[in-house]
Protein backbone atom coordinates (compact mmCIF):
# COMPACT_ATOMS: atom_id res chain seq x y z
CA MET A 1 16.72 82.61 -3.60
CA SER A 2 19.57 81.83 -6.16
CA ARG A 3 19.19 80.62 -9.60
CA HIS A 4 21.28 78.00 -11.07
CA ARG A 5 22.31 77.83 -14.86
CA LEU A 6 22.76 74.11 -16.27
CA TRP A 7 25.81 74.53 -18.49
CA LEU A 8 25.73 71.78 -21.12
CA THR A 9 29.01 70.90 -22.54
CA PRO A 10 29.99 68.05 -24.91
CA ALA A 11 31.39 66.20 -22.15
CA THR A 12 28.13 66.35 -20.10
CA VAL A 13 25.90 65.85 -22.97
CA VAL A 14 27.95 62.53 -23.75
CA ILE A 15 27.91 61.77 -20.18
CA ALA A 16 24.12 62.05 -20.15
CA LEU A 17 23.58 60.08 -23.30
CA ALA A 18 25.54 57.24 -21.84
CA LEU A 19 23.65 57.10 -18.50
CA ALA A 20 20.37 57.36 -20.34
CA ALA A 21 21.45 54.53 -22.49
CA VAL A 22 22.25 52.25 -19.43
CA PHE A 23 19.16 53.10 -17.53
CA ALA A 24 17.17 52.36 -20.81
CA GLY A 25 18.77 48.90 -20.82
CA MET A 26 20.55 49.53 -24.23
CA SER A 27 24.08 49.15 -22.94
CA LEU A 28 26.32 47.06 -25.10
CA ARG A 29 25.29 43.71 -23.26
CA GLY A 30 21.67 44.82 -23.11
CA ALA A 31 20.98 46.36 -26.57
CA GLY A 32 20.47 42.85 -28.49
CA ILE A 33 17.92 41.92 -25.89
CA ILE A 34 16.05 45.20 -25.98
CA ARG A 35 16.01 45.06 -29.89
CA GLY A 36 14.74 41.42 -29.67
CA TRP A 37 11.64 42.78 -27.77
CA PHE A 38 10.82 45.12 -30.61
CA ALA A 39 11.92 43.20 -33.49
CA ALA A 40 9.75 41.56 -35.83
CA PRO A 41 9.65 37.61 -35.40
CA PRO A 42 12.06 35.78 -37.61
CA VAL A 43 10.62 34.60 -40.62
CA ALA A 44 9.61 30.70 -40.35
CA ALA A 45 11.73 28.64 -42.95
CA GLY A 46 10.00 26.24 -45.12
CA PRO A 47 10.28 22.75 -44.65
CA GLN A 48 13.63 21.24 -45.43
CA PRO A 49 13.57 18.95 -48.64
CA MET A 50 13.43 15.43 -47.62
CA TYR A 51 14.12 12.13 -49.35
CA THR A 52 11.54 9.36 -48.66
CA VAL A 53 12.61 5.93 -49.49
CA PRO A 54 10.29 2.94 -48.47
CA GLY A 55 12.02 -0.28 -47.89
CA THR A 56 11.96 -3.66 -46.27
CA ILE A 57 14.20 -5.68 -43.94
CA ARG A 58 13.90 -9.52 -45.18
CA LEU A 59 14.50 -12.27 -42.80
CA ALA A 60 14.95 -15.70 -43.89
CA ALA A 61 13.73 -19.01 -42.10
CA GLY A 62 15.67 -19.32 -38.81
CA GLN A 63 15.90 -15.42 -38.46
CA TYR A 64 12.34 -15.04 -37.31
CA VAL A 65 9.44 -16.24 -35.49
CA THR A 66 5.80 -16.16 -36.33
CA ASP A 67 2.97 -14.52 -33.87
CA ALA A 68 -0.66 -14.00 -34.33
CA GLY A 69 -0.37 -13.56 -38.13
CA GLY A 70 2.59 -11.43 -38.23
CA CYS A 71 6.59 -12.19 -37.68
CA HIS A 72 9.33 -10.53 -35.85
CA GLY A 73 12.90 -11.35 -35.83
CA THR A 74 14.77 -13.37 -33.48
CA THR A 75 17.64 -10.72 -33.30
CA ILE A 76 15.69 -7.74 -34.49
CA LYS A 77 13.37 -6.41 -31.50
CA PRO A 78 9.99 -5.28 -32.54
CA ASP A 79 10.78 -1.85 -31.22
CA ALA A 80 14.17 -1.67 -33.36
CA GLN A 81 15.21 1.37 -35.19
CA ILE A 82 17.39 2.31 -38.16
CA VAL A 83 19.63 5.05 -37.59
CA ILE A 84 20.54 7.81 -40.45
CA THR A 85 23.91 9.68 -39.86
CA ASP A 86 25.63 12.43 -41.83
CA PRO A 87 29.27 12.19 -42.81
CA SER A 88 30.45 13.37 -39.70
CA GLY A 89 28.50 10.50 -37.84
CA ALA A 90 26.12 12.94 -36.45
CA THR A 91 22.64 11.22 -35.98
CA LEU A 92 20.16 12.85 -38.44
CA ALA A 93 17.08 10.59 -37.74
CA TYR A 94 15.79 7.57 -36.05
CA VAL A 95 13.28 5.54 -38.40
CA PRO A 96 11.14 2.67 -36.63
CA VAL A 97 11.01 -0.73 -38.19
CA GLY A 98 7.25 -1.70 -38.99
CA ASP A 99 5.65 -4.83 -37.83
CA GLY A 100 6.61 -7.87 -39.69
CA VAL A 101 4.65 -9.48 -42.28
CA LEU A 102 5.25 -13.08 -43.46
CA THR A 103 5.33 -13.52 -47.19
CA GLY A 104 6.26 -16.65 -48.92
CA GLY A 105 8.31 -18.31 -46.10
CA VAL A 106 10.30 -14.82 -45.45
CA CYS A 107 9.25 -12.30 -42.73
CA GLU A 108 9.25 -8.66 -44.02
CA LEU A 109 9.88 -5.67 -41.60
CA PRO A 110 8.88 -2.38 -43.36
CA PHE A 111 10.58 0.97 -42.86
CA GLU A 112 10.18 4.33 -44.48
CA LEU A 113 13.52 6.25 -44.69
CA ALA A 114 13.10 10.09 -44.17
CA MET A 115 16.16 12.00 -44.59
CA PRO A 116 17.26 15.77 -45.30
CA VAL A 117 18.64 16.73 -48.58
CA GLY A 118 22.12 18.05 -49.12
CA LYS A 119 24.41 16.17 -46.96
CA GLY A 120 26.46 14.54 -49.48
CA SER A 121 26.47 11.13 -48.12
CA TYR A 122 24.63 9.24 -45.39
CA GLY A 123 25.51 6.29 -42.92
CA ILE A 124 22.44 4.08 -42.58
CA ASP A 125 22.58 1.71 -39.41
CA PHE A 126 20.23 -1.26 -40.04
CA PRO A 127 19.58 -3.59 -36.88
CA VAL A 128 21.76 -6.76 -37.33
CA PHE A 129 23.21 -5.75 -40.71
CA GLY A 130 25.05 -2.74 -39.28
CA LEU A 131 26.28 0.47 -40.98
CA MET A 132 26.21 0.83 -44.71
CA PRO A 133 27.41 3.89 -46.54
CA TYR A 134 25.24 5.68 -49.28
CA THR A 135 26.15 8.61 -51.51
CA GLU A 136 23.25 11.35 -51.84
CA GLN A 137 22.86 10.40 -55.55
CA GLU A 138 22.46 6.58 -54.70
CA ILE A 139 19.70 7.74 -52.30
CA ALA A 140 17.88 9.89 -54.87
CA ASP A 141 17.96 6.57 -57.23
CA LEU A 142 16.44 4.52 -54.99
CA ILE A 143 12.65 3.35 -55.34
CA ASP A 144 12.77 0.85 -52.76
CA LEU A 145 15.66 -0.44 -50.33
CA THR A 146 15.54 -4.06 -49.48
CA ILE A 147 18.21 -5.45 -47.06
CA GLY A 148 18.77 -9.34 -46.66
């Protein structure tokens, strides 16, 4: 019976550790995945500050029709949406236009803008009226936004 001795040299230790890392899933490619299993979940960020601005699209006679106590635009569809964009033109939000209310011969379509703070400027694309630019300060100063 012969006895074998295991001689550990620095090179064999390095090779052994490298193999152990690979087998344990700790290769350079897999290290992030393995760490992700054991890492604490990321802390949820609080809600982003938003501007909330109520508004109305006002349609004059000839621009709306009445129905069952309400009204809707002849060119603005009942499911119309206002599109809010950032300075690059990327869409930030879609805001639905509410059901029309007939007030003193004018059809008023309510909406409520909800847009994130910190973009500097915004484009607000209203049905029929088109894209209108607003600075962040102009949005912050608004109490109500009436178009038409």
